[in-house]
Amino acid sequence: MGDLKDRRLIYLKGFLFLLGILLAAGTLLLENLSLRTAVLLALTIWCSARFYYFLFYVIQHYVDDKYRFAGVWAFVVYLWRSHPKG
């Protein structure tokens, strides 16, 4: 499968991710409506977004500007190769 190039499909993909987030979060909150659940869910979402930013922006712009990450697995492989054993 090639790269997605159609702007409309890229936007659609983004909004489908947003819809998935809203449905999953809403379902979790409906099943266990409490302040604790809401705070933990918000913290999980925020930390996940910050980790993603770290992987795909901070590493490229502040650590190694020559490497381009294709995904989380590519980052794991990069770490494995850049830190030799011993």
PDB file of N, CA and C in Angstrom:
ATOM      1  N   MET A   1       0.852  -1.175   0.000  1.00  0.00           N
ATOM      2  CA  MET A   1       0.000   0.000   0.000  1.00  0.00           C
ATOM      3  C   MET A   1       0.896   1.236   0.000  1.00  0.00           C
ATOM      4  N   GLY A   2       0.601   2.188  -0.869  1.00  0.00           N
ATOM      5  CA  GLY A   2       1.389   3.408  -0.982  1.00  0.00           C
ATOM      6  C   GLY A   2       0.981   4.448   0.050  1.00  0.00           C
ATOM      7  N   ASP A   3       1.706   5.567   0.022  1.00  0.00           N
ATOM      8  CA  ASP A   3       1.393   6.672   0.915  1.00  0.00           C
ATOM      9  C   ASP A   3       0.074   7.317   0.528  1.00  0.00           C
ATOM     10  N   LEU A   4      -0.634   7.780   1.510  1.00  0.00           N
ATOM     11  CA  LEU A   4      -1.887   8.490   1.305  1.00  0.00           C
ATOM     12  C   LEU A   4      -1.554   9.906   0.854  1.00  0.00           C
ATOM     13  N   LYS A   5      -2.066  10.317  -0.308  1.00  0.00           N
ATOM     14  CA  LYS A   5      -1.705  11.620  -0.863  1.00  0.00           C
ATOM     15  C   LYS A   5      -2.903  12.564  -1.042  1.00  0.00           C
ATOM     16  N   ASP A   6      -4.088  12.033  -1.105  1.00  0.00           N
ATOM     17  CA  ASP A   6      -5.280  12.855  -1.304  1.00  0.00           C
ATOM     18  C   ASP A   6      -5.596  13.603  -0.007  1.00  0.00           C
ATOM     19  N   ARG A   7      -5.620  14.939  -0.074  1.00  0.00           N
ATOM     20  CA  ARG A   7      -5.872  15.762   1.114  1.00  0.00           C
ATOM     21  C   ARG A   7      -7.183  15.400   1.801  1.00  0.00           C
ATOM     22  N   ARG A   8      -8.206  15.165   1.020  1.00  0.00           N
ATOM     23  CA  ARG A   8      -9.512  14.838   1.608  1.00  0.00           C
ATOM     24  C   ARG A   8      -9.439  13.552   2.417  1.00  0.00           C
ATOM     25  N   LEU A   9      -8.731  12.556   1.885  1.00  0.00           N
ATOM     26  CA  LEU A   9      -8.604  11.295   2.612  1.00  0.00           C
ATOM     27  C   LEU A   9      -7.733  11.441   3.861  1.00  0.00           C
ATOM     28  N   ILE A  10      -6.737  12.304   3.788  1.00  0.00           N
ATOM     29  CA  ILE A  10      -5.894  12.556   4.962  1.00  0.00           C
ATOM     30  C   ILE A  10      -6.725  13.204   6.073  1.00  0.00           C
ATOM     31  N   TYR A  11      -7.533  14.215   5.693  1.00  0.00           N
ATOM     32  CA  TYR A  11      -8.419  14.839   6.680  1.00  0.00           C
ATOM     33  C   TYR A  11      -9.434  13.841   7.222  1.00  0.00           C
ATOM     34  N   LEU A  12      -9.994  13.024   6.345  1.00  0.00           N
ATOM     35  CA  LEU A  12     -10.954  12.015   6.774  1.00  0.00           C
ATOM     36  C   LEU A  12     -10.316  11.065   7.785  1.00  0.00           C
ATOM     37  N   LYS A  13      -9.106  10.638   7.494  1.00  0.00           N
ATOM     38  CA  LYS A  13      -8.393   9.738   8.410  1.00  0.00           C
ATOM     39  C   LYS A  13      -8.202  10.399   9.776  1.00  0.00           C
ATOM     40  N   GLY A  14      -7.813  11.675   9.780  1.00  0.00           N
ATOM     41  CA  GLY A  14      -7.642  12.399  11.036  1.00  0.00           C
ATOM     42  C   GLY A  14      -8.934  12.501  11.827  1.00  0.00           C
ATOM     43  N   PHE A  15     -10.020  12.831  11.130  1.00  0.00           N
ATOM     44  CA  PHE A  15     -11.305  12.947  11.819  1.00  0.00           C
ATOM     45  C   PHE A  15     -11.827  11.588  12.285  1.00  0.00           C
ATOM     46  N   LEU A  16     -11.502  10.523  11.578  1.00  0.00           N
ATOM     47  CA  LEU A  16     -11.883   9.192  12.046  1.00  0.00           C
ATOM     48  C   LEU A  16     -11.130   8.821  13.327  1.00  0.00           C
ATOM     49  N   PHE A  17      -9.868   9.235  13.409  1.00  0.00           N
ATOM     50  CA  PHE A  17      -9.136   9.032  14.665  1.00  0.00           C
ATOM     51  C   PHE A  17      -9.799   9.813  15.797  1.00  0.00           C
ATOM     52  N   LEU A  18     -10.162  11.056  15.520  1.00  0.00           N
ATOM     53  CA  LEU A  18     -10.850  11.868  16.529  1.00  0.00           C
ATOM     54  C   LEU A  18     -12.165  11.225  16.948  1.00  0.00           C
ATOM     55  N   LEU A  19     -12.920  10.724  15.988  1.00  0.00           N
ATOM     56  CA  LEU A  19     -14.168  10.047  16.295  1.00  0.00           C
ATOM     57  C   LEU A  19     -13.925   8.820  17.173  1.00  0.00           C
ATOM     58  N   GLY A  20     -12.886   8.061  16.856  1.00  0.00           N
ATOM     59  CA  GLY A  20     -12.539   6.895  17.675  1.00  0.00           C
ATOM     60  C   GLY A  20     -12.208   7.285  19.098  1.00  0.00           C
ATOM     61  N   ILE A  21     -11.458   8.372  19.260  1.00  0.00           N
ATOM     62  CA  ILE A  21     -11.113   8.865  20.605  1.00  0.00           C
ATOM     63  C   ILE A  21     -12.374   9.238  21.362  1.00  0.00           C
ATOM     64  N   LEU A  22     -13.236  10.000  20.715  1.00  0.00           N
ATOM     65  CA  LEU A  22     -14.456  10.462  21.380  1.00  0.00           C
ATOM     66  C   LEU A  22     -15.378   9.301  21.753  1.00  0.00           C
ATOM     67  N   LEU A  23     -15.529   8.338  20.855  1.00  0.00           N
ATOM     68  CA  LEU A  23     -16.381   7.181  21.155  1.00  0.00           C
ATOM     69  C   LEU A  23     -15.807   6.333  22.282  1.00  0.00           C
ATOM     70  N   ALA A  24     -14.504   6.073  22.238  1.00  0.00           N
ATOM     71  CA  ALA A  24     -13.880   5.254  23.273  1.00  0.00           C
ATOM     72  C   ALA A  24     -13.928   5.968  24.631  1.00  0.00           C
ATOM     73  N   ALA A  25     -13.585   7.246  24.651  1.00  0.00           N
ATOM     74  CA  ALA A  25     -13.601   7.997  25.910  1.00  0.00           C
ATOM     75  C   ALA A  25     -15.021   8.115  26.448  1.00  0.00           C
ATOM     76  N   GLY A  26     -15.953   8.410  25.563  1.00  0.00           N
ATOM     77  CA  GLY A  26     -17.341   8.518  25.994  1.00  0.00           C
ATOM     78  C   GLY A  26     -17.879   7.217  26.564  1.00  0.00           C
ATOM     79  N   THR A  27     -17.544   6.108  25.926  1.00  0.00           N
ATOM     80  CA  THR A  27     -17.994   4.801  26.412  1.00  0.00           C
ATOM     81  C   THR A  27     -17.389   4.492  27.774  1.00  0.00           C
ATOM     82  N   LEU A  28     -16.091   4.762  27.932  1.00  0.00           N
ATOM     83  CA  LEU A  28     -15.450   4.528  29.236  1.00  0.00           C
ATOM     84  C   LEU A  28     -16.105   5.366  30.333  1.00  0.00           C
ATOM     85  N   LEU A  29     -16.367   6.622  30.028  1.00  0.00           N
ATOM     86  CA  LEU A  29     -16.985   7.492  31.038  1.00  0.00           C
ATOM     87  C   LEU A  29     -18.422   7.087  31.340  1.00  0.00           C
ATOM     88  N   LEU A  30     -19.157   6.629  30.332  1.00  0.00           N
ATOM     89  CA  LEU A  30     -20.527   6.186  30.586  1.00  0.00           C
ATOM     90  C   LEU A  30     -20.566   4.922  31.443  1.00  0.00           C
ATOM     91  N   GLU A  31     -19.589   4.043  31.256  1.00  0.00           N
ATOM     92  CA  GLU A  31     -19.557   2.808  32.037  1.00  0.00           C
ATOM     93  C   GLU A  31     -19.136   3.043  33.482  1.00  0.00           C
ATOM     94  N   ASN A  32     -18.294   4.049  33.709  1.00  0.00           N
ATOM     95  CA  ASN A  32     -17.801   4.298  35.054  1.00  0.00           C
ATOM     96  C   ASN A  32     -17.687   5.805  35.248  1.00  0.00           C
ATOM     97  N   LEU A  33     -18.811   6.448  35.433  1.00  0.00           N
ATOM     98  CA  LEU A  33     -18.852   7.894  35.550  1.00  0.00           C
ATOM     99  C   LEU A  33     -18.357   8.331  36.926  1.00  0.00           C
ATOM    100  N   SER A  34     -17.106   8.756  36.953  1.00  0.00           N
ATOM    101  CA  SER A  34     -16.534   9.278  38.196  1.00  0.00           C
ATOM    102  C   SER A  34     -15.444  10.277  37.840  1.00  0.00           C
ATOM    103  N   LEU A  35     -15.156  11.153  38.768  1.00  0.00           N
ATOM    104  CA  LEU A  35     -14.111  12.144  38.565  1.00  0.00           C
ATOM    105  C   LEU A  35     -12.755  11.455  38.377  1.00  0.00           C
ATOM    106  N   ARG A  36     -12.517  10.427  39.138  1.00  0.00           N
ATOM    107  CA  ARG A  36     -11.244   9.694  39.049  1.00  0.00           C
ATOM    108  C   ARG A  36     -11.045   9.121  37.629  1.00  0.00           C
ATOM    109  N   THR A  37     -12.065   8.486  37.084  1.00  0.00           N
ATOM    110  CA  THR A  37     -11.987   7.921  35.737  1.00  0.00           C
ATOM    111  C   THR A  37     -11.752   9.021  34.710  1.00  0.00           C
ATOM    112  N   ALA A  38     -12.458  10.132  34.842  1.00  0.00           N
ATOM    113  CA  ALA A  38     -12.301  11.244  33.902  1.00  0.00           C
ATOM    114  C   ALA A  38     -10.885  11.813  33.946  1.00  0.00           C
ATOM    115  N   VAL A  39     -10.342  11.987  35.142  1.00  0.00           N
ATOM    116  CA  VAL A  39      -8.988  12.532  35.281  1.00  0.00           C
ATOM    117  C   VAL A  39      -7.957  11.553  34.727  1.00  0.00           C
ATOM    118  N   LEU A  40      -8.089  10.281  35.053  1.00  0.00           N
ATOM    119  CA  LEU A  40      -7.140   9.288  34.540  1.00  0.00           C
ATOM    120  C   LEU A  40      -7.214   9.169  33.021  1.00  0.00           C
ATOM    121  N   LEU A  41      -8.409   9.246  32.477  1.00  0.00           N
ATOM    122  CA  LEU A  41      -8.571   9.196  31.024  1.00  0.00           C
ATOM    123  C   LEU A  41      -7.937  10.423  30.365  1.00  0.00           C
ATOM    124  N   ALA A  42      -8.177  11.595  30.925  1.00  0.00           N
ATOM    125  CA  ALA A  42      -7.579  12.819  30.388  1.00  0.00           C
ATOM    126  C   ALA A  42      -6.055  12.760  30.476  1.00  0.00           C
ATOM    127  N   LEU A  43      -5.532  12.265  31.574  1.00  0.00           N
ATOM    128  CA  LEU A  43      -4.086  12.134  31.744  1.00  0.00           C
ATOM    129  C   LEU A  43      -3.493  11.147  30.738  1.00  0.00           C
ATOM    130  N   THR A  44      -4.196  10.050  30.503  1.00  0.00           N
ATOM    131  CA  THR A  44      -3.744   9.059  29.526  1.00  0.00           C
ATOM    132  C   THR A  44      -3.689   9.662  28.125  1.00  0.00           C
ATOM    133  N   ILE A  45      -4.725  10.376  27.746  1.00  0.00           N
ATOM    134  CA  ILE A  45      -4.772  10.994  26.425  1.00  0.00           C
ATOM    135  C   ILE A  45      -3.671  12.039  26.292  1.00  0.00           C
ATOM    136  N   TRP A  46      -3.500  12.895  27.293  1.00  0.00           N
ATOM    137  CA  TRP A  46      -2.490  13.945  27.238  1.00  0.00           C
ATOM    138  C   TRP A  46      -1.080  13.354  27.167  1.00  0.00           C
ATOM    139  N   CYS A  47      -0.784  12.363  28.016  1.00  0.00           N
ATOM    140  CA  CYS A  47       0.547  11.745  28.011  1.00  0.00           C
ATOM    141  C   CYS A  47       0.817  11.012  26.700  1.00  0.00           C
ATOM    142  N   SER A  48      -0.180  10.381  26.143  1.00  0.00           N
ATOM    143  CA  SER A  48      -0.009   9.702  24.856  1.00  0.00           C
ATOM    144  C   SER A  48       0.326  10.697  23.755  1.00  0.00           C
ATOM    145  N   ALA A  49      -0.358  11.823  23.749  1.00  0.00           N
ATOM    146  CA  ALA A  49      -0.082  12.848  22.745  1.00  0.00           C
ATOM    147  C   ALA A  49       1.318  13.424  22.920  1.00  0.00           C
ATOM    148  N   ARG A  50       1.733  13.656  24.144  1.00  0.00           N
ATOM    149  CA  ARG A  50       3.076  14.190  24.396  1.00  0.00           C
ATOM    150  C   ARG A  50       4.150  13.172  24.021  1.00  0.00           C
ATOM    151  N   PHE A  51       3.913  11.896  24.259  1.00  0.00           N
ATOM    152  CA  PHE A  51       4.871  10.853  23.884  1.00  0.00           C
ATOM    153  C   PHE A  51       4.997  10.776  22.367  1.00  0.00           C
ATOM    154  N   TYR A  52       3.895  10.862  21.673  1.00  0.00           N
ATOM    155  CA  TYR A  52       3.906  10.847  20.218  1.00  0.00           C
ATOM    156  C   TYR A  52       4.703  12.049  19.690  1.00  0.00           C
ATOM    157  N   TYR A  53       4.462  13.227  20.259  1.00  0.00           N
ATOM    158  CA  TYR A  53       5.208  14.430  19.897  1.00  0.00           C
ATOM    159  C   TYR A  53       6.698  14.214  20.147  1.00  0.00           C
ATOM    160  N   PHE A  54       7.047  13.636  21.280  1.00  0.00           N
ATOM    161  CA  PHE A  54       8.439  13.350  21.604  1.00  0.00           C
ATOM    162  C   PHE A  54       9.067  12.447  20.554  1.00  0.00           C
ATOM    163  N   LEU A  55       8.373  11.375  20.184  1.00  0.00           N
ATOM    164  CA  LEU A  55       8.919  10.428  19.210  1.00  0.00           C
ATOM    165  C   LEU A  55       9.136  11.046  17.841  1.00  0.00           C
ATOM    166  N   PHE A  56       8.196  11.824  17.376  1.00  0.00           N
ATOM    167  CA  PHE A  56       8.221  12.257  15.988  1.00  0.00           C
ATOM    168  C   PHE A  56       8.603  13.710  15.780  1.00  0.00           C
ATOM    169  N   TYR A  57       8.834  14.476  16.821  1.00  0.00           N
ATOM    170  CA  TYR A  57       9.293  15.843  16.637  1.00  0.00           C
ATOM    171  C   TYR A  57      10.570  16.105  17.434  1.00  0.00           C
ATOM    172  N   VAL A  58      10.527  15.871  18.704  1.00  0.00           N
ATOM    173  CA  VAL A  58      11.672  16.185  19.557  1.00  0.00           C
ATOM    174  C   VAL A  58      12.916  15.408  19.141  1.00  0.00           C
ATOM    175  N   ILE A  59      12.777  14.117  18.912  1.00  0.00           N
ATOM    176  CA  ILE A  59      13.936  13.307  18.534  1.00  0.00           C
ATOM    177  C   ILE A  59      14.534  13.830  17.224  1.00  0.00           C
ATOM    178  N   GLN A  60      13.700  14.099  16.233  1.00  0.00           N
ATOM    179  CA  GLN A  60      14.189  14.555  14.925  1.00  0.00           C
ATOM    180  C   GLN A  60      14.809  15.946  14.977  1.00  0.00           C
ATOM    181  N   HIS A  61      14.274  16.838  15.787  1.00  0.00           N
ATOM    182  CA  HIS A  61      14.736  18.217  15.775  1.00  0.00           C
ATOM    183  C   HIS A  61      15.785  18.543  16.835  1.00  0.00           C
ATOM    184  N   TYR A  62      15.872  17.755  17.898  1.00  0.00           N
ATOM    185  CA  TYR A  62      16.798  18.085  18.976  1.00  0.00           C
ATOM    186  C   TYR A  62      17.826  17.005  19.285  1.00  0.00           C
ATOM    187  N   VAL A  63      17.589  15.771  18.843  1.00  0.00           N
ATOM    188  CA  VAL A  63      18.502  14.678  19.160  1.00  0.00           C
ATOM    189  C   VAL A  63      19.266  14.226  17.930  1.00  0.00           C
ATOM    190  N   ASP A  64      18.554  13.878  16.869  1.00  0.00           N
ATOM    191  CA  ASP A  64      19.196  13.346  15.661  1.00  0.00           C
ATOM    192  C   ASP A  64      18.439  13.847  14.443  1.00  0.00           C
ATOM    193  N   ASP A  65      18.928  14.935  13.851  1.00  0.00           N
ATOM    194  CA  ASP A  65      18.203  15.544  12.739  1.00  0.00           C
ATOM    195  C   ASP A  65      18.339  14.779  11.430  1.00  0.00           C
ATOM    196  N   LYS A  66      19.150  13.738  11.408  1.00  0.00           N
ATOM    197  CA  LYS A  66      19.324  12.946  10.190  1.00  0.00           C
ATOM    198  C   LYS A  66      18.350  11.774  10.097  1.00  0.00           C
ATOM    199  N   TYR A  67      17.732  11.409  11.191  1.00  0.00           N
ATOM    200  CA  TYR A  67      16.877  10.229  11.202  1.00  0.00           C
ATOM    201  C   TYR A  67      15.415  10.620  11.100  1.00  0.00           C
ATOM    202  N   ARG A  68      14.666   9.897  10.298  1.00  0.00           N
ATOM    203  CA  ARG A  68      13.220  10.115  10.144  1.00  0.00           C
ATOM    204  C   ARG A  68      12.497   8.854  10.585  1.00  0.00           C
ATOM    205  N   PHE A  69      11.632   8.996  11.545  1.00  0.00           N
ATOM    206  CA  PHE A  69      10.926   7.850  12.093  1.00  0.00           C
ATOM    207  C   PHE A  69       9.661   7.560  11.307  1.00  0.00           C
ATOM    208  N   ALA A  70       9.426   6.293  11.038  1.00  0.00           N
ATOM    209  CA  ALA A  70       8.248   5.879  10.294  1.00  0.00           C
ATOM    210  C   ALA A  70       7.144   5.375  11.217  1.00  0.00           C
ATOM    211  N   GLY A  71       7.456   5.194  12.474  1.00  0.00           N
ATOM    212  CA  GLY A  71       6.480   4.690  13.426  1.00  0.00           C
ATOM    213  C   GLY A  71       7.157   4.372  14.740  1.00  0.00           C
ATOM    214  N   VAL A  72       6.364   3.938  15.685  1.00  0.00           N
ATOM    215  CA  VAL A  72       6.894   3.623  17.010  1.00  0.00           C
ATOM    216  C   VAL A  72       7.906   2.484  16.923  1.00  0.00           C
ATOM    217  N   TRP A  73       7.629   1.478  16.110  1.00  0.00           N
ATOM    218  CA  TRP A  73       8.563   0.361  15.976  1.00  0.00           C
ATOM    219  C   TRP A  73       9.898   0.839  15.410  1.00  0.00           C
ATOM    220  N   ALA A  74       9.872   1.764  14.462  1.00  0.00           N
ATOM    221  CA  ALA A  74      11.108   2.323  13.906  1.00  0.00           C
ATOM    222  C   ALA A  74      11.916   3.018  14.998  1.00  0.00           C
ATOM    223  N   PHE A  75      11.238   3.659  15.927  1.00  0.00           N
ATOM    224  CA  PHE A  75      11.931   4.306  17.039  1.00  0.00           C
ATOM    225  C   PHE A  75      12.592   3.273  17.947  1.00  0.00           C
ATOM    226  N   VAL A  76      11.899   2.174  18.221  1.00  0.00           N
ATOM    227  CA  VAL A  76      12.473   1.106  19.053  1.00  0.00           C
ATOM    228  C   VAL A  76      13.721   0.538  18.383  1.00  0.00           C
ATOM    229  N   VAL A  77      13.652   0.293  17.091  1.00  0.00           N
ATOM    230  CA  VAL A  77      14.806  -0.222  16.346  1.00  0.00           C
ATOM    231  C   VAL A  77      15.942   0.802  16.381  1.00  0.00           C
ATOM    232  N   TYR A  78      15.626   2.070  16.209  1.00  0.00           N
ATOM    233  CA  TYR A  78      16.626   3.136  16.267  1.00  0.00           C
ATOM    234  C   TYR A  78      17.336   3.128  17.620  1.00  0.00           C
ATOM    235  N   LEU A  79      16.572   3.049  18.702  1.00  0.00           N
ATOM    236  CA  LEU A  79      17.178   3.018  20.038  1.00  0.00           C
ATOM    237  C   LEU A  79      18.065   1.796  20.209  1.00  0.00           C
ATOM    238  N   TRP A  80      17.597   0.659  19.739  1.00  0.00           N
ATOM    239  CA  TRP A  80      18.346  -0.587  19.864  1.00  0.00           C
ATOM    240  C   TRP A  80      19.687  -0.484  19.135  1.00  0.00           C
ATOM    241  N   ARG A  81      19.674   0.083  17.956  1.00  0.00           N
ATOM    242  CA  ARG A  81      20.888   0.183  17.141  1.00  0.00           C
ATOM    243  C   ARG A  81      21.818   1.296  17.598  1.00  0.00           C
ATOM    244  N   SER A  82      21.278   2.360  18.169  1.00  0.00           N
ATOM    245  CA  SER A  82      22.114   3.506  18.546  1.00  0.00           C
ATOM    246  C   SER A  82      22.758   3.349  19.913  1.00  0.00           C
ATOM    247  N   HIS A  83      22.343   2.354  20.669  1.00  0.00           N
ATOM    248  CA  HIS A  83      22.944   2.098  21.974  1.00  0.00           C
ATOM    249  C   HIS A  83      23.498   0.677  22.000  1.00  0.00           C
ATOM    250  N   PRO A  84      24.730   0.503  21.511  1.00  0.00           N
ATOM    251  CA  PRO A  84      25.297  -0.836  21.477  1.00  0.00           C
ATOM    252  C   PRO A  84      25.488  -1.431  22.869  1.00  0.00           C
ATOM    253  N   LYS A  85      25.407  -2.743  22.922  1.00  0.00           N
ATOM    254  CA  LYS A  85      25.564  -3.449  24.200  1.00  0.00           C
ATOM    255  C   LYS A  85      26.994  -3.352  24.672  1.00  0.00           C
ATOM    256  N   GLY A  86      27.166  -3.301  25.996  1.00  0.00           N
ATOM    257  CA  GLY A  86      28.501  -3.307  26.586  1.00  0.00           C
ATOM    258  C   GLY A  86      29.058  -1.969  26.564  1.00  0.00           C
TER     259      GLY A  86
END
